[in-house]
Amino acid sequence: MTLKKLAELSGTSIGTVSKAFSGSHEISEKTREKIFNIAKDRGCFDKFYKAPRNKPLIALLFPEPESEYYGREIGILERELN
């Protein structure tokens, strides 16, 4: 099962299906429920549903994370964030 197939079955767009599973407030609860019911009936709900996170997600990009300097900086940031 793909997002495209779920979109076809629910009469919506792929974007709407994606927004339903990401918890977007841009679509109605009625539409979300329709999409979720189809996904559950087809056995693919768990494949696409991602539960909301309890903690914020922070992504850091470093050019050389293995280097001594950046490794030390990453360690400092990690300790401060915890």
PDB file of N, CA and C in Angstrom:
ATOM      1  N   MET A   1       0.854  -1.177   0.000  1.00  0.00           N
ATOM      2  CA  MET A   1       0.000   0.000   0.000  1.00  0.00           C
ATOM      3  C   MET A   1       0.899   1.239   0.000  1.00  0.00           C
ATOM      4  N   THR A   2       0.530   2.187  -0.826  1.00  0.00           N
ATOM      5  CA  THR A   2       1.276   3.432  -0.922  1.00  0.00           C
ATOM      6  C   THR A   2       0.363   4.603  -0.569  1.00  0.00           C
ATOM      7  N   LEU A   3       0.981   5.761  -0.330  1.00  0.00           N
ATOM      8  CA  LEU A   3       0.185   6.968  -0.090  1.00  0.00           C
ATOM      9  C   LEU A   3      -0.689   7.266  -1.299  1.00  0.00           C
ATOM     10  N   LYS A   4      -0.151   7.001  -2.486  1.00  0.00           N
ATOM     11  CA  LYS A   4      -0.908   7.249  -3.712  1.00  0.00           C
ATOM     12  C   LYS A   4      -2.170   6.390  -3.751  1.00  0.00           C
ATOM     13  N   LYS A   5      -2.039   5.119  -3.394  1.00  0.00           N
ATOM     14  CA  LYS A   5      -3.201   4.212  -3.400  1.00  0.00           C
ATOM     15  C   LYS A   5      -4.210   4.630  -2.331  1.00  0.00           C
ATOM     16  N   LEU A   6      -3.735   5.049  -1.144  1.00  0.00           N
ATOM     17  CA  LEU A   6      -4.634   5.535  -0.106  1.00  0.00           C
ATOM     18  C   LEU A   6      -5.368   6.782  -0.570  1.00  0.00           C
ATOM     19  N   ALA A   7      -4.666   7.638  -1.295  1.00  0.00           N
ATOM     20  CA  ALA A   7      -5.295   8.851  -1.827  1.00  0.00           C
ATOM     21  C   ALA A   7      -6.406   8.477  -2.809  1.00  0.00           C
ATOM     22  N   GLU A   8      -6.138   7.526  -3.680  1.00  0.00           N
ATOM     23  CA  GLU A   8      -7.148   7.082  -4.645  1.00  0.00           C
ATOM     24  C   GLU A   8      -8.363   6.496  -3.937  1.00  0.00           C
ATOM     25  N   LEU A   9      -8.116   5.646  -2.957  1.00  0.00           N
ATOM     26  CA  LEU A   9      -9.213   4.989  -2.235  1.00  0.00           C
ATOM     27  C   LEU A   9     -10.053   5.968  -1.424  1.00  0.00           C
ATOM     28  N   SER A  10      -9.410   7.029  -0.923  1.00  0.00           N
ATOM     29  CA  SER A  10     -10.134   7.995  -0.090  1.00  0.00           C
ATOM     30  C   SER A  10     -10.667   9.174  -0.889  1.00  0.00           C
ATOM     31  N   GLY A  11     -10.318   9.241  -2.166  1.00  0.00           N
ATOM     32  CA  GLY A  11     -10.776  10.349  -3.002  1.00  0.00           C
ATOM     33  C   GLY A  11     -10.118  11.670  -2.646  1.00  0.00           C
ATOM     34  N   THR A  12      -8.870  11.581  -2.175  1.00  0.00           N
ATOM     35  CA  THR A  12      -8.125  12.781  -1.807  1.00  0.00           C
ATOM     36  C   THR A  12      -6.801  12.794  -2.553  1.00  0.00           C
ATOM     37  N   SER A  13      -5.980  13.785  -2.267  1.00  0.00           N
ATOM     38  CA  SER A  13      -4.658  13.863  -2.892  1.00  0.00           C
ATOM     39  C   SER A  13      -3.618  13.183  -2.004  1.00  0.00           C
ATOM     40  N   ILE A  14      -2.463  12.908  -2.578  1.00  0.00           N
ATOM     41  CA  ILE A  14      -1.364  12.326  -1.822  1.00  0.00           C
ATOM     42  C   ILE A  14      -0.973  13.279  -0.696  1.00  0.00           C
ATOM     43  N   GLY A  15      -0.970  14.574  -0.977  1.00  0.00           N
ATOM     44  CA  GLY A  15      -0.631  15.577   0.034  1.00  0.00           C
ATOM     45  C   GLY A  15      -1.581  15.542   1.217  1.00  0.00           C
ATOM     46  N   THR A  16      -2.858  15.352   0.942  1.00  0.00           N
ATOM     47  CA  THR A  16      -3.853  15.279   2.019  1.00  0.00           C
ATOM     48  C   THR A  16      -3.624  14.048   2.883  1.00  0.00           C
ATOM     49  N   VAL A  17      -3.322  12.931   2.251  1.00  0.00           N
ATOM     50  CA  VAL A  17      -3.039  11.703   3.004  1.00  0.00           C
ATOM     51  C   VAL A  17      -1.802  11.906   3.871  1.00  0.00           C
ATOM     52  N   SER A  18      -0.776  12.493   3.302  1.00  0.00           N
ATOM     53  CA  SER A  18       0.445  12.756   4.050  1.00  0.00           C
ATOM     54  C   SER A  18       0.169  13.673   5.245  1.00  0.00           C
ATOM     55  N   LYS A  19      -0.622  14.719   5.012  1.00  0.00           N
ATOM     56  CA  LYS A  19      -0.961  15.646   6.098  1.00  0.00           C
ATOM     57  C   LYS A  19      -1.785  14.962   7.182  1.00  0.00           C
ATOM     58  N   ALA A  20      -2.648  14.048   6.790  1.00  0.00           N
ATOM     59  CA  ALA A  20      -3.449  13.309   7.773  1.00  0.00           C
ATOM     60  C   ALA A  20      -2.544  12.537   8.720  1.00  0.00           C
ATOM     61  N   PHE A  21      -1.552  11.863   8.162  1.00  0.00           N
ATOM     62  CA  PHE A  21      -0.659  11.052   8.988  1.00  0.00           C
ATOM     63  C   PHE A  21       0.353  11.882   9.765  1.00  0.00           C
ATOM     64  N   SER A  22       0.629  13.094   9.325  1.00  0.00           N
ATOM     65  CA  SER A  22       1.583  13.935  10.062  1.00  0.00           C
ATOM     66  C   SER A  22       0.899  14.786  11.117  1.00  0.00           C
ATOM     67  N   GLY A  23      -0.435  14.713  11.188  1.00  0.00           N
ATOM     68  CA  GLY A  23      -1.154  15.463  12.221  1.00  0.00           C
ATOM     69  C   GLY A  23      -1.408  16.908  11.874  1.00  0.00           C
ATOM     70  N   SER A  24      -1.337  17.247  10.611  1.00  0.00           N
ATOM     71  CA  SER A  24      -1.549  18.625  10.175  1.00  0.00           C
ATOM     72  C   SER A  24      -2.963  19.103  10.507  1.00  0.00           C
ATOM     73  N   HIS A  25      -3.046  20.362  10.878  1.00  0.00           N
ATOM     74  CA  HIS A  25      -4.339  20.980  11.168  1.00  0.00           C
ATOM     75  C   HIS A  25      -4.990  21.543   9.908  1.00  0.00           C
ATOM     76  N   GLU A  26      -4.371  21.332   8.750  1.00  0.00           N
ATOM     77  CA  GLU A  26      -4.880  21.852   7.486  1.00  0.00           C
ATOM     78  C   GLU A  26      -6.014  21.017   6.909  1.00  0.00           C
ATOM     79  N   ILE A  27      -6.258  19.848   7.464  1.00  0.00           N
ATOM     80  CA  ILE A  27      -7.350  19.014   6.967  1.00  0.00           C
ATOM     81  C   ILE A  27      -8.351  18.757   8.084  1.00  0.00           C
ATOM     82  N   SER A  28      -9.561  18.459   7.705  1.00  0.00           N
ATOM     83  CA  SER A  28     -10.627  18.269   8.696  1.00  0.00           C
ATOM     84  C   SER A  28     -10.501  16.911   9.383  1.00  0.00           C
ATOM     85  N   GLU A  29     -11.090  16.821  10.563  1.00  0.00           N
ATOM     86  CA  GLU A  29     -11.102  15.562  11.305  1.00  0.00           C
ATOM     87  C   GLU A  29     -11.882  14.493  10.534  1.00  0.00           C
ATOM     88  N   LYS A  30     -12.912  14.919   9.827  1.00  0.00           N
ATOM     89  CA  LYS A  30     -13.716  13.979   9.037  1.00  0.00           C
ATOM     90  C   LYS A  30     -12.849  13.319   7.958  1.00  0.00           C
ATOM     91  N   THR A  31     -12.047  14.124   7.261  1.00  0.00           N
ATOM     92  CA  THR A  31     -11.168  13.603   6.211  1.00  0.00           C
ATOM     93  C   THR A  31     -10.096  12.712   6.818  1.00  0.00           C
ATOM     94  N   ARG A  32      -9.508  13.152   7.928  1.00  0.00           N
ATOM     95  CA  ARG A  32      -8.473  12.365   8.600  1.00  0.00           C
ATOM     96  C   ARG A  32      -9.043  10.993   9.017  1.00  0.00           C
ATOM     97  N   GLU A  33     -10.228  11.012   9.591  1.00  0.00           N
ATOM     98  CA  GLU A  33     -10.867   9.775  10.039  1.00  0.00           C
ATOM     99  C   GLU A  33     -11.130   8.836   8.856  1.00  0.00           C
ATOM    100  N   LYS A  34     -11.583   9.401   7.752  1.00  0.00           N
ATOM    101  CA  LYS A  34     -11.852   8.601   6.541  1.00  0.00           C
ATOM    102  C   LYS A  34     -10.568   7.912   6.068  1.00  0.00           C
ATOM    103  N   ILE A  35      -9.481   8.681   6.003  1.00  0.00           N
ATOM    104  CA  ILE A  35      -8.194   8.139   5.547  1.00  0.00           C
ATOM    105  C   ILE A  35      -7.694   7.080   6.526  1.00  0.00           C
ATOM    106  N   PHE A  36      -7.765   7.370   7.817  1.00  0.00           N
ATOM    107  CA  PHE A  36      -7.295   6.433   8.829  1.00  0.00           C
ATOM    108  C   PHE A  36      -8.097   5.131   8.787  1.00  0.00           C
ATOM    109  N   ASN A  37      -9.405   5.224   8.610  1.00  0.00           N
ATOM    110  CA  ASN A  37     -10.237   4.016   8.554  1.00  0.00           C
ATOM    111  C   ASN A  37      -9.869   3.141   7.368  1.00  0.00           C
ATOM    112  N   ILE A  38      -9.626   3.762   6.232  1.00  0.00           N
ATOM    113  CA  ILE A  38      -9.224   2.993   5.046  1.00  0.00           C
ATOM    114  C   ILE A  38      -7.878   2.326   5.301  1.00  0.00           C
ATOM    115  N   ALA A  39      -6.943   3.070   5.884  1.00  0.00           N
ATOM    116  CA  ALA A  39      -5.615   2.520   6.168  1.00  0.00           C
ATOM    117  C   ALA A  39      -5.709   1.358   7.160  1.00  0.00           C
ATOM    118  N   LYS A  40      -6.554   1.499   8.172  1.00  0.00           N
ATOM    119  CA  LYS A  40      -6.725   0.411   9.150  1.00  0.00           C
ATOM    120  C   LYS A  40      -7.350  -0.813   8.497  1.00  0.00           C
ATOM    121  N   ASP A  41      -8.362  -0.592   7.655  1.00  0.00           N
ATOM    122  CA  ASP A  41      -9.017  -1.705   6.962  1.00  0.00           C
ATOM    123  C   ASP A  41      -8.054  -2.447   6.045  1.00  0.00           C
ATOM    124  N   ARG A  42      -7.116  -1.720   5.465  1.00  0.00           N
ATOM    125  CA  ARG A  42      -6.147  -2.323   4.535  1.00  0.00           C
ATOM    126  C   ARG A  42      -4.888  -2.822   5.248  1.00  0.00           C
ATOM    127  N   GLY A  43      -4.812  -2.630   6.574  1.00  0.00           N
ATOM    128  CA  GLY A  43      -3.673  -3.124   7.345  1.00  0.00           C
ATOM    129  C   GLY A  43      -2.391  -2.341   7.190  1.00  0.00           C
ATOM    130  N   CYS A  44      -2.486  -1.084   6.798  1.00  0.00           N
ATOM    131  CA  CYS A  44      -1.260  -0.301   6.601  1.00  0.00           C
ATOM    132  C   CYS A  44      -1.205   0.951   7.473  1.00  0.00           C
ATOM    133  N   PHE A  45      -2.090   1.068   8.431  1.00  0.00           N
ATOM    134  CA  PHE A  45      -2.113   2.261   9.281  1.00  0.00           C
ATOM    135  C   PHE A  45      -0.779   2.463   9.994  1.00  0.00           C
ATOM    136  N   ASP A  46      -0.260   1.391  10.624  1.00  0.00           N
ATOM    137  CA  ASP A  46       0.991   1.502  11.379  1.00  0.00           C
ATOM    138  C   ASP A  46       2.189   1.832  10.487  1.00  0.00           C
ATOM    139  N   LYS A  47       2.095   1.501   9.224  1.00  0.00           N
ATOM    140  CA  LYS A  47       3.185   1.792   8.289  1.00  0.00           C
ATOM    141  C   LYS A  47       3.359   3.302   8.111  1.00  0.00           C
ATOM    142  N   PHE A  48       2.263   4.047   8.147  1.00  0.00           N
ATOM    143  CA  PHE A  48       2.320   5.475   7.864  1.00  0.00           C
ATOM    144  C   PHE A  48       2.169   6.372   9.098  1.00  0.00           C
ATOM    145  N   TYR A  49       1.506   5.874  10.139  1.00  0.00           N
ATOM    146  CA  TYR A  49       1.232   6.727  11.293  1.00  0.00           C
ATOM    147  C   TYR A  49       2.453   6.867  12.182  1.00  0.00           C
ATOM    148  N   LYS A  50       2.782   8.078  12.510  1.00  0.00           N
ATOM    149  CA  LYS A  50       3.876   8.383  13.420  1.00  0.00           C
ATOM    150  C   LYS A  50       3.291   9.135  14.605  1.00  0.00           C
ATOM    151  N   ALA A  51       3.369   8.528  15.773  1.00  0.00           N
ATOM    152  CA  ALA A  51       2.812   9.155  16.972  1.00  0.00           C
ATOM    153  C   ALA A  51       3.508  10.478  17.250  1.00  0.00           C
ATOM    154  N   PRO A  52       2.775  11.455  17.780  1.00  0.00           N
ATOM    155  CA  PRO A  52       3.401  12.737  18.130  1.00  0.00           C
ATOM    156  C   PRO A  52       4.527  12.531  19.141  1.00  0.00           C
ATOM    157  N   ARG A  53       5.552  13.319  18.986  1.00  0.00           N
ATOM    158  CA  ARG A  53       6.694  13.232  19.899  1.00  0.00           C
ATOM    159  C   ARG A  53       6.418  14.021  21.164  1.00  0.00           C
ATOM    160  N   ASN A  54       6.882  13.472  22.281  1.00  0.00           N
ATOM    161  CA  ASN A  54       6.740  14.175  23.552  1.00  0.00           C
ATOM    162  C   ASN A  54       7.818  15.230  23.733  1.00  0.00           C
ATOM    163  N   LYS A  55       8.927  15.034  23.041  1.00  0.00           N
ATOM    164  CA  LYS A  55      10.051  15.965  23.154  1.00  0.00           C
ATOM    165  C   LYS A  55      10.297  16.606  21.791  1.00  0.00           C
ATOM    166  N   PRO A  56      10.764  17.844  21.798  1.00  0.00           N
ATOM    167  CA  PRO A  56      11.090  18.461  20.505  1.00  0.00           C
ATOM    168  C   PRO A  56      12.297  17.769  19.879  1.00  0.00           C
ATOM    169  N   LEU A  57      12.340  17.787  18.584  1.00  0.00           N
ATOM    170  CA  LEU A  57      13.441  17.189  17.841  1.00  0.00           C
ATOM    171  C   LEU A  57      14.369  18.297  17.370  1.00  0.00           C
ATOM    172  N   ILE A  58      15.646  18.135  17.638  1.00  0.00           N
ATOM    173  CA  ILE A  58      16.644  19.122  17.223  1.00  0.00           C
ATOM    174  C   ILE A  58      17.649  18.414  16.332  1.00  0.00           C
ATOM    175  N   ALA A  59      17.870  18.969  15.161  1.00  0.00           N
ATOM    176  CA  ALA A  59      18.849  18.399  14.239  1.00  0.00           C
ATOM    177  C   ALA A  59      20.027  19.354  14.108  1.00  0.00           C
ATOM    178  N   LEU A  60      21.216  18.804  14.175  1.00  0.00           N
ATOM    179  CA  LEU A  60      22.432  19.591  14.037  1.00  0.00           C
ATOM    180  C   LEU A  60      23.233  19.055  12.862  1.00  0.00           C
ATOM    181  N   LEU A  61      23.739  19.945  12.061  1.00  0.00           N
ATOM    182  CA  LEU A  61      24.564  19.547  10.923  1.00  0.00           C
ATOM    183  C   LEU A  61      25.972  20.084  11.126  1.00  0.00           C
ATOM    184  N   PHE A  62      26.937  19.191  11.118  1.00  0.00           N
ATOM    185  CA  PHE A  62      28.328  19.571  11.264  1.00  0.00           C
ATOM    186  C   PHE A  62      29.089  19.040  10.064  1.00  0.00           C
ATOM    187  N   PRO A  63      30.050  19.812   9.563  1.00  0.00           N
ATOM    188  CA  PRO A  63      30.782  19.358   8.376  1.00  0.00           C
ATOM    189  C   PRO A  63      31.650  18.133   8.653  1.00  0.00           C
ATOM    190  N   GLU A  64      32.197  18.008   9.862  1.00  0.00           N
ATOM    191  CA  GLU A  64      33.062  16.880  10.206  1.00  0.00           C
ATOM    192  C   GLU A  64      32.769  16.423  11.636  1.00  0.00           C
ATOM    193  N   PRO A  65      31.670  15.689  11.851  1.00  0.00           N
ATOM    194  CA  PRO A  65      31.308  15.311  13.220  1.00  0.00           C
ATOM    195  C   PRO A  65      32.343  14.421  13.912  1.00  0.00           C
ATOM    196  N   GLU A  66      33.206  13.750  13.135  1.00  0.00           N
ATOM    197  CA  GLU A  66      34.216  12.887  13.742  1.00  0.00           C
ATOM    198  C   GLU A  66      35.456  13.661  14.175  1.00  0.00           C
ATOM    199  N   SER A  67      35.577  14.916  13.756  1.00  0.00           N
ATOM    200  CA  SER A  67      36.778  15.680  14.121  1.00  0.00           C
ATOM    201  C   SER A  67      36.769  15.992  15.608  1.00  0.00           C
ATOM    202  N   GLU A  68      37.940  16.218  16.138  1.00  0.00           N
ATOM    203  CA  GLU A  68      38.075  16.497  17.578  1.00  0.00           C
ATOM    204  C   GLU A  68      37.286  17.750  17.973  1.00  0.00           C
ATOM    205  N   TYR A  69      37.415  18.799  17.185  1.00  0.00           N
ATOM    206  CA  TYR A  69      36.742  20.065  17.512  1.00  0.00           C
ATOM    207  C   TYR A  69      35.218  19.912  17.501  1.00  0.00           C
ATOM    208  N   TYR A  70      34.685  19.407  16.399  1.00  0.00           N
ATOM    209  CA  TYR A  70      33.231  19.281  16.297  1.00  0.00           C
ATOM    210  C   TYR A  70      32.688  18.220  17.257  1.00  0.00           C
ATOM    211  N   GLY A  71      33.455  17.161  17.486  1.00  0.00           N
ATOM    212  CA  GLY A  71      33.043  16.151  18.451  1.00  0.00           C
ATOM    213  C   GLY A  71      32.883  16.750  19.837  1.00  0.00           C
ATOM    214  N   ARG A  72      33.819  17.616  20.214  1.00  0.00           N
ATOM    215  CA  ARG A  72      33.745  18.293  21.509  1.00  0.00           C
ATOM    216  C   ARG A  72      32.534  19.215  21.557  1.00  0.00           C
ATOM    217  N   GLU A  73      32.278  19.960  20.489  1.00  0.00           N
ATOM    218  CA  GLU A  73      31.132  20.873  20.425  1.00  0.00           C
ATOM    219  C   GLU A  73      29.804  20.110  20.517  1.00  0.00           C
ATOM    220  N   ILE A  74      29.735  18.984  19.845  1.00  0.00           N
ATOM    221  CA  ILE A  74      28.531  18.150  19.896  1.00  0.00           C
ATOM    222  C   ILE A  74      28.298  17.664  21.322  1.00  0.00           C
ATOM    223  N   GLY A  75      29.356  17.246  21.991  1.00  0.00           N
ATOM    224  CA  GLY A  75      29.249  16.790  23.382  1.00  0.00           C
ATOM    225  C   GLY A  75      28.746  17.891  24.300  1.00  0.00           C
ATOM    226  N   ILE A  76      29.261  19.101  24.124  1.00  0.00           N
ATOM    227  CA  ILE A  76      28.824  20.256  24.937  1.00  0.00           C
ATOM    228  C   ILE A  76      27.351  20.540  24.694  1.00  0.00           C
ATOM    229  N   LEU A  77      26.950  20.589  23.435  1.00  0.00           N
ATOM    230  CA  LEU A  77      25.533  20.828  23.105  1.00  0.00           C
ATOM    231  C   LEU A  77      24.630  19.760  23.686  1.00  0.00           C
ATOM    232  N   GLU A  78      25.065  18.507  23.580  1.00  0.00           N
ATOM    233  CA  GLU A  78      24.246  17.412  24.093  1.00  0.00           C
ATOM    234  C   GLU A  78      24.064  17.537  25.609  1.00  0.00           C
ATOM    235  N   ARG A  79      25.134  17.836  26.332  1.00  0.00           N
ATOM    236  CA  ARG A  79      25.020  18.005  27.789  1.00  0.00           C
ATOM    237  C   ARG A  79      24.118  19.170  28.159  1.00  0.00           C
ATOM    238  N   GLU A  80      24.235  20.274  27.441  1.00  0.00           N
ATOM    239  CA  GLU A  80      23.414  21.461  27.724  1.00  0.00           C
ATOM    240  C   GLU A  80      21.938  21.206  27.429  1.00  0.00           C
ATOM    241  N   LEU A  81      21.670  20.482  26.350  1.00  0.00           N
ATOM    242  CA  LEU A  81      20.288  20.207  25.996  1.00  0.00           C
ATOM    243  C   LEU A  81      19.627  19.224  26.965  1.00  0.00           C
ATOM    244  N   ASN A  82      20.408  18.291  27.466  1.00  0.00           N
ATOM    245  CA  ASN A  82      19.862  17.327  28.436  1.00  0.00           C
ATOM    246  C   ASN A  82      19.604  18.022  29.747  1.00  0.00           C
TER     247      ASN A  82
END
